[in-house]
Amino acid sequence: MLAKLTGVMMLMVASIVFLYYSIWTLFMPFVDDGHPLHDLFLPRVWAVRIPVILILVGIAVVGSFLSVVMIRSGRKKAAKAKAAAGQGKKKN
């Protein structure tokens, strides 16, 4: 039940963010600059900056994760190779 509720909440938040961003980028350029509706939205320049920042942060997180996984994998392979070399010397 908790998973279903969490999923519904995530869907609602995503829908609200999508609707807000769509109105901000598609509808607000046609509204006069002095209109009070502009008080609800950031300046238009942030409509580009926010997605760019999110993409850069996402790429950094994915790259960091892949780096950590590759480093750990290399360490495991090196430890296995060292153990196998040690086993070979003991048998001879």
PDB file of N, CA and C in Angstrom:
ATOM      1  N   MET A   1       0.821  -1.193   0.000  1.00  0.00           N
ATOM      2  CA  MET A   1       0.000   0.000   0.000  1.00  0.00           C
ATOM      3  C   MET A   1       0.867   1.260   0.000  1.00  0.00           C
ATOM      4  N   LEU A   2       1.967   1.230   0.764  1.00  0.00           N
ATOM      5  CA  LEU A   2       2.850   2.389   0.842  1.00  0.00           C
ATOM      6  C   LEU A   2       3.522   2.645  -0.510  1.00  0.00           C
ATOM      7  N   ALA A   3       3.876   1.575  -1.206  1.00  0.00           N
ATOM      8  CA  ALA A   3       4.511   1.730  -2.513  1.00  0.00           C
ATOM      9  C   ALA A   3       3.539   2.360  -3.513  1.00  0.00           C
ATOM     10  N   LYS A   4       2.288   1.959  -3.448  1.00  0.00           N
ATOM     11  CA  LYS A   4       1.283   2.516  -4.356  1.00  0.00           C
ATOM     12  C   LYS A   4       1.069   4.003  -4.065  1.00  0.00           C
ATOM     13  N   LEU A   5       0.994   4.350  -2.783  1.00  0.00           N
ATOM     14  CA  LEU A   5       0.821   5.746  -2.390  1.00  0.00           C
ATOM     15  C   LEU A   5       2.030   6.586  -2.814  1.00  0.00           C
ATOM     16  N   THR A   6       3.216   6.031  -2.648  1.00  0.00           N
ATOM     17  CA  THR A   6       4.433   6.732  -3.060  1.00  0.00           C
ATOM     18  C   THR A   6       4.435   6.945  -4.568  1.00  0.00           C
ATOM     19  N   GLY A   7       4.032   5.933  -5.313  1.00  0.00           N
ATOM     20  CA  GLY A   7       3.965   6.053  -6.765  1.00  0.00           C
ATOM     21  C   GLY A   7       2.970   7.111  -7.212  1.00  0.00           C
ATOM     22  N   VAL A   8       1.816   7.150  -6.567  1.00  0.00           N
ATOM     23  CA  VAL A   8       0.803   8.153  -6.902  1.00  0.00           C
ATOM     24  C   VAL A   8       1.326   9.553  -6.597  1.00  0.00           C
ATOM     25  N   MET A   9       1.996   9.704  -5.459  1.00  0.00           N
ATOM     26  CA  MET A   9       2.547  11.016  -5.099  1.00  0.00           C
ATOM     27  C   MET A   9       3.631  11.447  -6.083  1.00  0.00           C
ATOM     28  N   MET A  10       4.493  10.523  -6.472  1.00  0.00           N
ATOM     29  CA  MET A  10       5.542  10.853  -7.442  1.00  0.00           C
ATOM     30  C   MET A  10       4.936  11.253  -8.784  1.00  0.00           C
ATOM     31  N   LEU A  11       3.886  10.555  -9.197  1.00  0.00           N
ATOM     32  CA  LEU A  11       3.204  10.886 -10.445  1.00  0.00           C
ATOM     33  C   LEU A  11       2.557  12.262 -10.366  1.00  0.00           C
ATOM     34  N   MET A  12       1.950  12.577  -9.236  1.00  0.00           N
ATOM     35  CA  MET A  12       1.322  13.887  -9.074  1.00  0.00           C
ATOM     36  C   MET A  12       2.364  15.007  -9.098  1.00  0.00           C
ATOM     37  N   VAL A  13       3.473  14.816  -8.401  1.00  0.00           N
ATOM     38  CA  VAL A  13       4.527  15.834  -8.385  1.00  0.00           C
ATOM     39  C   VAL A  13       5.093  16.026  -9.787  1.00  0.00           C
ATOM     40  N   ALA A  14       5.351  14.926 -10.490  1.00  0.00           N
ATOM     41  CA  ALA A  14       5.884  15.025 -11.856  1.00  0.00           C
ATOM     42  C   ALA A  14       4.894  15.732 -12.774  1.00  0.00           C
ATOM     43  N   SER A  15       3.612  15.438 -12.623  1.00  0.00           N
ATOM     44  CA  SER A  15       2.598  16.082 -13.457  1.00  0.00           C
ATOM     45  C   SER A  15       2.517  17.582 -13.175  1.00  0.00           C
ATOM     46  N   ILE A  16       2.585  17.951 -11.898  1.00  0.00           N
ATOM     47  CA  ILE A  16       2.529  19.374 -11.543  1.00  0.00           C
ATOM     48  C   ILE A  16       3.751  20.114 -12.066  1.00  0.00           C
ATOM     49  N   VAL A  17       4.932  19.511 -11.919  1.00  0.00           N
ATOM     50  CA  VAL A  17       6.156  20.141 -12.424  1.00  0.00           C
ATOM     51  C   VAL A  17       6.084  20.285 -13.943  1.00  0.00           C
ATOM     52  N   PHE A  18       5.610  19.246 -14.635  1.00  0.00           N
ATOM     53  CA  PHE A  18       5.484  19.314 -16.091  1.00  0.00           C
ATOM     54  C   PHE A  18       4.509  20.402 -16.510  1.00  0.00           C
ATOM     55  N   LEU A  19       3.366  20.482 -15.838  1.00  0.00           N
ATOM     56  CA  LEU A  19       2.371  21.496 -16.171  1.00  0.00           C
ATOM     57  C   LEU A  19       2.910  22.903 -15.912  1.00  0.00           C
ATOM     58  N   TYR A  20       3.571  23.105 -14.766  1.00  0.00           N
ATOM     59  CA  TYR A  20       4.144  24.409 -14.430  1.00  0.00           C
ATOM     60  C   TYR A  20       5.185  24.823 -15.464  1.00  0.00           C
ATOM     61  N   TYR A  21       6.101  23.896 -15.793  1.00  0.00           N
ATOM     62  CA  TYR A  21       7.165  24.213 -16.742  1.00  0.00           C
ATOM     63  C   TYR A  21       6.582  24.479 -18.138  1.00  0.00           C
ATOM     64  N   SER A  22       5.588  23.704 -18.535  1.00  0.00           N
ATOM     65  CA  SER A  22       4.971  23.900 -19.851  1.00  0.00           C
ATOM     66  C   SER A  22       4.293  25.257 -19.947  1.00  0.00           C
ATOM     67  N   ILE A  23       3.567  25.638 -18.913  1.00  0.00           N
ATOM     68  CA  ILE A  23       2.915  26.953 -18.909  1.00  0.00           C
ATOM     69  C   ILE A  23       3.981  28.052 -18.927  1.00  0.00           C
ATOM     70  N   TRP A  24       5.020  27.867 -18.139  1.00  0.00           N
ATOM     71  CA  TRP A  24       6.096  28.850 -18.022  1.00  0.00           C
ATOM     72  C   TRP A  24       6.790  29.074 -19.359  1.00  0.00           C
ATOM     73  N   THR A  25       7.080  28.002 -20.086  1.00  0.00           N
ATOM     74  CA  THR A  25       7.853  28.135 -21.320  1.00  0.00           C
ATOM     75  C   THR A  25       6.997  28.343 -22.561  1.00  0.00           C
ATOM     76  N   LEU A  26       5.779  27.825 -22.574  1.00  0.00           N
ATOM     77  CA  LEU A  26       4.965  27.906 -23.789  1.00  0.00           C
ATOM     78  C   LEU A  26       3.915  29.009 -23.764  1.00  0.00           C
ATOM     79  N   PHE A  27       3.384  29.330 -22.595  1.00  0.00           N
ATOM     80  CA  PHE A  27       2.285  30.279 -22.497  1.00  0.00           C
ATOM     81  C   PHE A  27       2.739  31.669 -22.047  1.00  0.00           C
ATOM     82  N   MET A  28       3.672  31.708 -21.103  1.00  0.00           N
ATOM     83  CA  MET A  28       4.054  32.994 -20.518  1.00  0.00           C
ATOM     84  C   MET A  28       4.738  33.967 -21.485  1.00  0.00           C
ATOM     85  N   PRO A  29       5.451  33.532 -22.515  1.00  0.00           N
ATOM     86  CA  PRO A  29       6.019  34.521 -23.440  1.00  0.00           C
ATOM     87  C   PRO A  29       4.966  35.378 -24.142  1.00  0.00           C
ATOM     88  N   PHE A  30       3.719  34.921 -24.180  1.00  0.00           N
ATOM     89  CA  PHE A  30       2.661  35.664 -24.857  1.00  0.00           C
ATOM     90  C   PHE A  30       1.870  36.558 -23.913  1.00  0.00           C
ATOM     91  N   VAL A  31       2.189  36.527 -22.628  1.00  0.00           N
ATOM     92  CA  VAL A  31       1.515  37.370 -21.641  1.00  0.00           C
ATOM     93  C   VAL A  31       2.335  38.644 -21.472  1.00  0.00           C
ATOM     94  N   ASP A  32       1.640  39.768 -21.355  1.00  0.00           N
ATOM     95  CA  ASP A  32       2.325  41.057 -21.183  1.00  0.00           C
ATOM     96  C   ASP A  32       3.233  41.035 -19.957  1.00  0.00           C
ATOM     97  N   ASP A  33       4.361  41.761 -20.044  1.00  0.00           N
ATOM     98  CA  ASP A  33       5.348  41.761 -18.970  1.00  0.00           C
ATOM     99  C   ASP A  33       4.809  42.351 -17.666  1.00  0.00           C
ATOM    100  N   GLY A  34       3.884  43.256 -17.721  1.00  0.00           N
ATOM    101  CA  GLY A  34       3.357  43.882 -16.511  1.00  0.00           C
ATOM    102  C   GLY A  34       2.254  43.080 -15.840  1.00  0.00           C
ATOM    103  N   HIS A  35       1.841  41.980 -16.415  1.00  0.00           N
ATOM    104  CA  HIS A  35       0.734  41.188 -15.877  1.00  0.00           C
ATOM    105  C   HIS A  35       1.143  40.529 -14.555  1.00  0.00           C
ATOM    106  N   PRO A  36       0.238  40.509 -13.572  1.00  0.00           N
ATOM    107  CA  PRO A  36       0.578  39.914 -12.263  1.00  0.00           C
ATOM    108  C   PRO A  36       0.856  38.408 -12.324  1.00  0.00           C
ATOM    109  N   LEU A  37       0.475  37.767 -13.387  1.00  0.00           N
ATOM    110  CA  LEU A  37       0.733  36.332 -13.540  1.00  0.00           C
ATOM    111  C   LEU A  37       2.228  36.046 -13.604  1.00  0.00           C
ATOM    112  N   HIS A  38       3.015  37.016 -14.039  1.00  0.00           N
ATOM    113  CA  HIS A  38       4.469  36.845 -14.115  1.00  0.00           C
ATOM    114  C   HIS A  38       5.110  36.718 -12.738  1.00  0.00           C
ATOM    115  N   ASP A  39       4.401  37.159 -11.695  1.00  0.00           N
ATOM    116  CA  ASP A  39       4.941  37.044 -10.337  1.00  0.00           C
ATOM    117  C   ASP A  39       5.025  35.589  -9.874  1.00  0.00           C
ATOM    118  N   LEU A  40       4.283  34.697 -10.517  1.00  0.00           N
ATOM    119  CA  LEU A  40       4.276  33.287 -10.131  1.00  0.00           C
ATOM    120  C   LEU A  40       5.426  32.494 -10.748  1.00  0.00           C
ATOM    121  N   PHE A  41       6.143  33.095 -11.690  1.00  0.00           N
ATOM    122  CA  PHE A  41       7.183  32.380 -12.417  1.00  0.00           C
ATOM    123  C   PHE A  41       8.519  33.113 -12.308  1.00  0.00           C
ATOM    124  N   LEU A  42       9.598  32.338 -12.391  1.00  0.00           N
ATOM    125  CA  LEU A  42      10.937  32.916 -12.437  1.00  0.00           C
ATOM    126  C   LEU A  42      11.153  33.598 -13.784  1.00  0.00           C
ATOM    127  N   PRO A  43      12.208  34.404 -13.922  1.00  0.00           N
ATOM    128  CA  PRO A  43      12.515  34.974 -15.244  1.00  0.00           C
ATOM    129  C   PRO A  43      12.746  33.858 -16.272  1.00  0.00           C
ATOM    130  N   ARG A  44      12.468  34.168 -17.525  1.00  0.00           N
ATOM    131  CA  ARG A  44      12.534  33.158 -18.594  1.00  0.00           C
ATOM    132  C   ARG A  44      13.910  32.540 -18.772  1.00  0.00           C
ATOM    133  N   VAL A  45      14.956  33.257 -18.419  1.00  0.00           N
ATOM    134  CA  VAL A  45      16.299  32.726 -18.590  1.00  0.00           C
ATOM    135  C   VAL A  45      16.482  31.451 -17.764  1.00  0.00           C
ATOM    136  N   TRP A  46      15.775  31.341 -16.644  1.00  0.00           N
ATOM    137  CA  TRP A  46      15.875  30.152 -15.796  1.00  0.00           C
ATOM    138  C   TRP A  46      15.168  28.949 -16.408  1.00  0.00           C
ATOM    139  N   ALA A  47      14.322  29.182 -17.394  1.00  0.00           N
ATOM    140  CA  ALA A  47      13.672  28.063 -18.092  1.00  0.00           C
ATOM    141  C   ALA A  47      14.695  27.250 -18.874  1.00  0.00           C
ATOM    142  N   VAL A  48      15.814  27.848 -19.190  1.00  0.00           N
ATOM    143  CA  VAL A  48      16.898  27.141 -19.868  1.00  0.00           C
ATOM    144  C   VAL A  48      17.953  26.703 -18.858  1.00  0.00           C
ATOM    145  N   ARG A  49      18.269  27.561 -17.914  1.00  0.00           N
ATOM    146  CA  ARG A  49      19.332  27.259 -16.953  1.00  0.00           C
ATOM    147  C   ARG A  49      19.015  26.036 -16.084  1.00  0.00           C
ATOM    148  N   ILE A  50      17.789  25.946 -15.592  1.00  0.00           N
ATOM    149  CA  ILE A  50      17.434  24.843 -14.686  1.00  0.00           C
ATOM    150  C   ILE A  50      17.602  23.483 -15.357  1.00  0.00           C
ATOM    151  N   PRO A  51      17.066  23.250 -16.563  1.00  0.00           N
ATOM    152  CA  PRO A  51      17.293  21.944 -17.197  1.00  0.00           C
ATOM    153  C   PRO A  51      18.765  21.670 -17.491  1.00  0.00           C
ATOM    154  N   VAL A  52      19.509  22.698 -17.887  1.00  0.00           N
ATOM    155  CA  VAL A  52      20.937  22.501 -18.161  1.00  0.00           C
ATOM    156  C   VAL A  52      21.672  22.100 -16.886  1.00  0.00           C
ATOM    157  N   ILE A  53      21.372  22.772 -15.792  1.00  0.00           N
ATOM    158  CA  ILE A  53      22.002  22.435 -14.509  1.00  0.00           C
ATOM    159  C   ILE A  53      21.637  21.010 -14.101  1.00  0.00           C
ATOM    160  N   LEU A  54      20.366  20.640 -14.234  1.00  0.00           N
ATOM    161  CA  LEU A  54      19.931  19.282 -13.865  1.00  0.00           C
ATOM    162  C   LEU A  54      20.608  18.224 -14.728  1.00  0.00           C
ATOM    163  N   ILE A  55      20.753  18.499 -16.010  1.00  0.00           N
ATOM    164  CA  ILE A  55      21.418  17.540 -16.900  1.00  0.00           C
ATOM    165  C   ILE A  55      22.888  17.396 -16.517  1.00  0.00           C
ATOM    166  N   LEU A  56      23.570  18.512 -16.243  1.00  0.00           N
ATOM    167  CA  LEU A  56      24.979  18.451 -15.856  1.00  0.00           C
ATOM    168  C   LEU A  56      25.173  17.700 -14.536  1.00  0.00           C
ATOM    169  N   VAL A  57      24.294  17.961 -13.570  1.00  0.00           N
ATOM    170  CA  VAL A  57      24.380  17.245 -12.290  1.00  0.00           C
ATOM    171  C   VAL A  57      24.107  15.761 -12.502  1.00  0.00           C
ATOM    172  N   GLY A  58      23.115  15.433 -13.334  1.00  0.00           N
ATOM    173  CA  GLY A  58      22.814  14.030 -13.621  1.00  0.00           C
ATOM    174  C   GLY A  58      23.979  13.314 -14.279  1.00  0.00           C
ATOM    175  N   ILE A  59      24.619  13.968 -15.232  1.00  0.00           N
ATOM    176  CA  ILE A  59      25.779  13.368 -15.903  1.00  0.00           C
ATOM    177  C   ILE A  59      26.917  13.174 -14.897  1.00  0.00           C
ATOM    178  N   ALA A  60      27.112  14.141 -14.003  1.00  0.00           N
ATOM    179  CA  ALA A  60      28.163  14.014 -12.994  1.00  0.00           C
ATOM    180  C   ALA A  60      27.883  12.854 -12.039  1.00  0.00           C
ATOM    181  N   VAL A  61      26.631  12.691 -11.638  1.00  0.00           N
ATOM    182  CA  VAL A  61      26.269  11.597 -10.726  1.00  0.00           C
ATOM    183  C   VAL A  61      26.467  10.247 -11.408  1.00  0.00           C
ATOM    184  N   VAL A  62      25.993  10.121 -12.646  1.00  0.00           N
ATOM    185  CA  VAL A  62      26.155   8.860 -13.378  1.00  0.00           C
ATOM    186  C   VAL A  62      27.628   8.563 -13.615  1.00  0.00           C
ATOM    187  N   GLY A  63      28.396   9.560 -14.001  1.00  0.00           N
ATOM    188  CA  GLY A  63      29.829   9.369 -14.219  1.00  0.00           C
ATOM    189  C   GLY A  63      30.555   8.969 -12.947  1.00  0.00           C
ATOM    190  N   SER A  64      30.191   9.594 -11.832  1.00  0.00           N
ATOM    191  CA  SER A  64      30.807   9.236 -10.553  1.00  0.00           C
ATOM    192  C   SER A  64      30.459   7.804 -10.161  1.00  0.00           C
ATOM    193  N   PHE A  65      29.213   7.421 -10.350  1.00  0.00           N
ATOM    194  CA  PHE A  65      28.791   6.058 -10.030  1.00  0.00           C
ATOM    195  C   PHE A  65      29.550   5.042 -10.877  1.00  0.00           C
ATOM    196  N   LEU A  66      29.636   5.299 -12.180  1.00  0.00           N
ATOM    197  CA  LEU A  66      30.362   4.383 -13.058  1.00  0.00           C
ATOM    198  C   LEU A  66      31.843   4.312 -12.683  1.00  0.00           C
ATOM    199  N   SER A  67      32.430   5.427 -12.309  1.00  0.00           N
ATOM    200  CA  SER A  67      33.836   5.435 -11.895  1.00  0.00           C
ATOM    201  C   SER A  67      34.048   4.585 -10.652  1.00  0.00           C
ATOM    202  N   VAL A  68      33.171   4.741  -9.674  1.00  0.00           N
ATOM    203  CA  VAL A  68      33.290   3.961  -8.442  1.00  0.00           C
ATOM    204  C   VAL A  68      33.139   2.473  -8.742  1.00  0.00           C
ATOM    205  N   VAL A  69      32.178   2.116  -9.581  1.00  0.00           N
ATOM    206  CA  VAL A  69      31.969   0.706  -9.929  1.00  0.00           C
ATOM    207  C   VAL A  69      33.182   0.148 -10.660  1.00  0.00           C
ATOM    208  N   MET A  70      33.730   0.904 -11.588  1.00  0.00           N
ATOM    209  CA  MET A  70      34.893   0.429 -12.339  1.00  0.00           C
ATOM    210  C   MET A  70      36.118   0.288 -11.433  1.00  0.00           C
ATOM    211  N   ILE A  71      36.314   1.213 -10.507  1.00  0.00           N
ATOM    212  CA  ILE A  71      37.455   1.130  -9.583  1.00  0.00           C
ATOM    213  C   ILE A  71      37.311  -0.093  -8.687  1.00  0.00           C
ATOM    214  N   ARG A  72      36.114  -0.313  -8.152  1.00  0.00           N
ATOM    215  CA  ARG A  72      35.901  -1.479  -7.286  1.00  0.00           C
ATOM    216  C   ARG A  72      36.077  -2.778  -8.067  1.00  0.00           C
ATOM    217  N   SER A  73      35.599  -2.802  -9.293  1.00  0.00           N
ATOM    218  CA  SER A  73      35.742  -3.995 -10.129  1.00  0.00           C
ATOM    219  C   SER A  73      37.224  -4.276 -10.415  1.00  0.00           C
ATOM    220  N   GLY A  74      37.981  -3.240 -10.683  1.00  0.00           N
ATOM    221  CA  GLY A  74      39.416  -3.395 -10.924  1.00  0.00           C
ATOM    222  C   GLY A  74      40.141  -3.911  -9.694  1.00  0.00           C
ATOM    223  N   ARG A  75      39.744  -3.423  -8.540  1.00  0.00           N
ATOM    224  CA  ARG A  75      40.366  -3.890  -7.299  1.00  0.00           C
ATOM    225  C   ARG A  75      40.064  -5.373  -7.061  1.00  0.00           C
ATOM    226  N   LYS A  76      38.817  -5.780  -7.337  1.00  0.00           N
ATOM    227  CA  LYS A  76      38.454  -7.189  -7.160  1.00  0.00           C
ATOM    228  C   LYS A  76      39.242  -8.080  -8.111  1.00  0.00           C
ATOM    229  N   LYS A  77      39.366  -7.640  -9.361  1.00  0.00           N
ATOM    230  CA  LYS A  77      40.126  -8.425 -10.342  1.00  0.00           C
ATOM    231  C   LYS A  77      41.596  -8.520  -9.939  1.00  0.00           C
ATOM    232  N   ALA A  78      42.145  -7.417  -9.439  1.00  0.00           N
ATOM    233  CA  ALA A  78      43.547  -7.424  -9.012  1.00  0.00           C
ATOM    234  C   ALA A  78      43.739  -8.351  -7.817  1.00  0.00           C
ATOM    235  N   ALA A  79      42.786  -8.343  -6.891  1.00  0.00           N
ATOM    236  CA  ALA A  79      42.882  -9.220  -5.721  1.00  0.00           C
ATOM    237  C   ALA A  79      42.784 -10.688  -6.137  1.00  0.00           C
ATOM    238  N   LYS A  80      41.885 -10.985  -7.098  1.00  0.00           N
ATOM    239  CA  LYS A  80      41.765 -12.364  -7.597  1.00  0.00           C
ATOM    240  C   LYS A  80      43.038 -12.804  -8.299  1.00  0.00           C
ATOM    241  N   ALA A  81      43.604 -11.921  -9.102  1.00  0.00           N
ATOM    242  CA  ALA A  81      44.833 -12.255  -9.824  1.00  0.00           C
ATOM    243  C   ALA A  81      45.980 -12.477  -8.837  1.00  0.00           C
ATOM    244  N   LYS A  82      46.042 -11.656  -7.803  1.00  0.00           N
ATOM    245  CA  LYS A  82      47.097 -11.801  -6.796  1.00  0.00           C
ATOM    246  C   LYS A  82      46.914 -13.108  -6.025  1.00  0.00           C
ATOM    247  N   ALA A  83      45.676 -13.443  -5.707  1.00  0.00           N
ATOM    248  CA  ALA A  83      45.395 -14.690  -4.985  1.00  0.00           C
ATOM    249  C   ALA A  83      45.723 -15.901  -5.863  1.00  0.00           C
ATOM    250  N   ALA A  84      45.389 -15.804  -7.152  1.00  0.00           N
ATOM    251  CA  ALA A  84      45.687 -16.905  -8.074  1.00  0.00           C
ATOM    252  C   ALA A  84      47.182 -17.054  -8.250  1.00  0.00           C
ATOM    253  N   ALA A  85      47.921 -15.960  -8.302  1.00  0.00           N
ATOM    254  CA  ALA A  85      49.375 -16.022  -8.424  1.00  0.00           C
ATOM    255  C   ALA A  85      49.980 -16.630  -7.160  1.00  0.00           C
ATOM    256  N   GLY A  86      49.410 -16.294  -6.025  1.00  0.00           N
ATOM    257  CA  GLY A  86      49.887 -16.851  -4.765  1.00  0.00           C
ATOM    258  C   GLY A  86      49.608 -18.349  -4.691  1.00  0.00           C
ATOM    259  N   GLN A  87      48.480 -18.791  -5.203  1.00  0.00           N
ATOM    260  CA  GLN A  87      48.125 -20.201  -5.225  1.00  0.00           C
ATOM    261  C   GLN A  87      49.058 -20.974  -6.132  1.00  0.00           C
ATOM    262  N   GLY A  88      49.414 -20.391  -7.264  1.00  0.00           N
ATOM    263  CA  GLY A  88      50.306 -21.056  -8.220  1.00  0.00           C
ATOM    264  C   GLY A  88      51.688 -21.238  -7.645  1.00  0.00           C
ATOM    265  N   LYS A  89      52.177 -20.280  -6.885  1.00  0.00           N
ATOM    266  CA  LYS A  89      53.514 -20.392  -6.293  1.00  0.00           C
ATOM    267  C   LYS A  89      53.545 -21.465  -5.206  1.00  0.00           C
ATOM    268  N   LYS A  90      52.432 -21.591  -4.458  1.00  0.00           N
ATOM    269  CA  LYS A  90      52.393 -22.582  -3.393  1.00  0.00           C
ATOM    270  C   LYS A  90      52.378 -24.009  -3.963  1.00  0.00           C
ATOM    271  N   LYS A  91      51.741 -24.213  -5.106  1.00  0.00           N
ATOM    272  CA  LYS A  91      51.660 -25.541  -5.705  1.00  0.00           C
ATOM    273  C   LYS A  91      52.992 -25.971  -6.281  1.00  0.00           C
ATOM    274  N   ASN A  92      53.800 -25.052  -6.775  1.00  0.00           N
ATOM    275  CA  ASN A  92      55.081 -25.403  -7.400  1.00  0.00           C
ATOM    276  C   ASN A  92      56.105 -25.601  -6.395  1.00  0.00           C
TER     277      ASN A  92
END
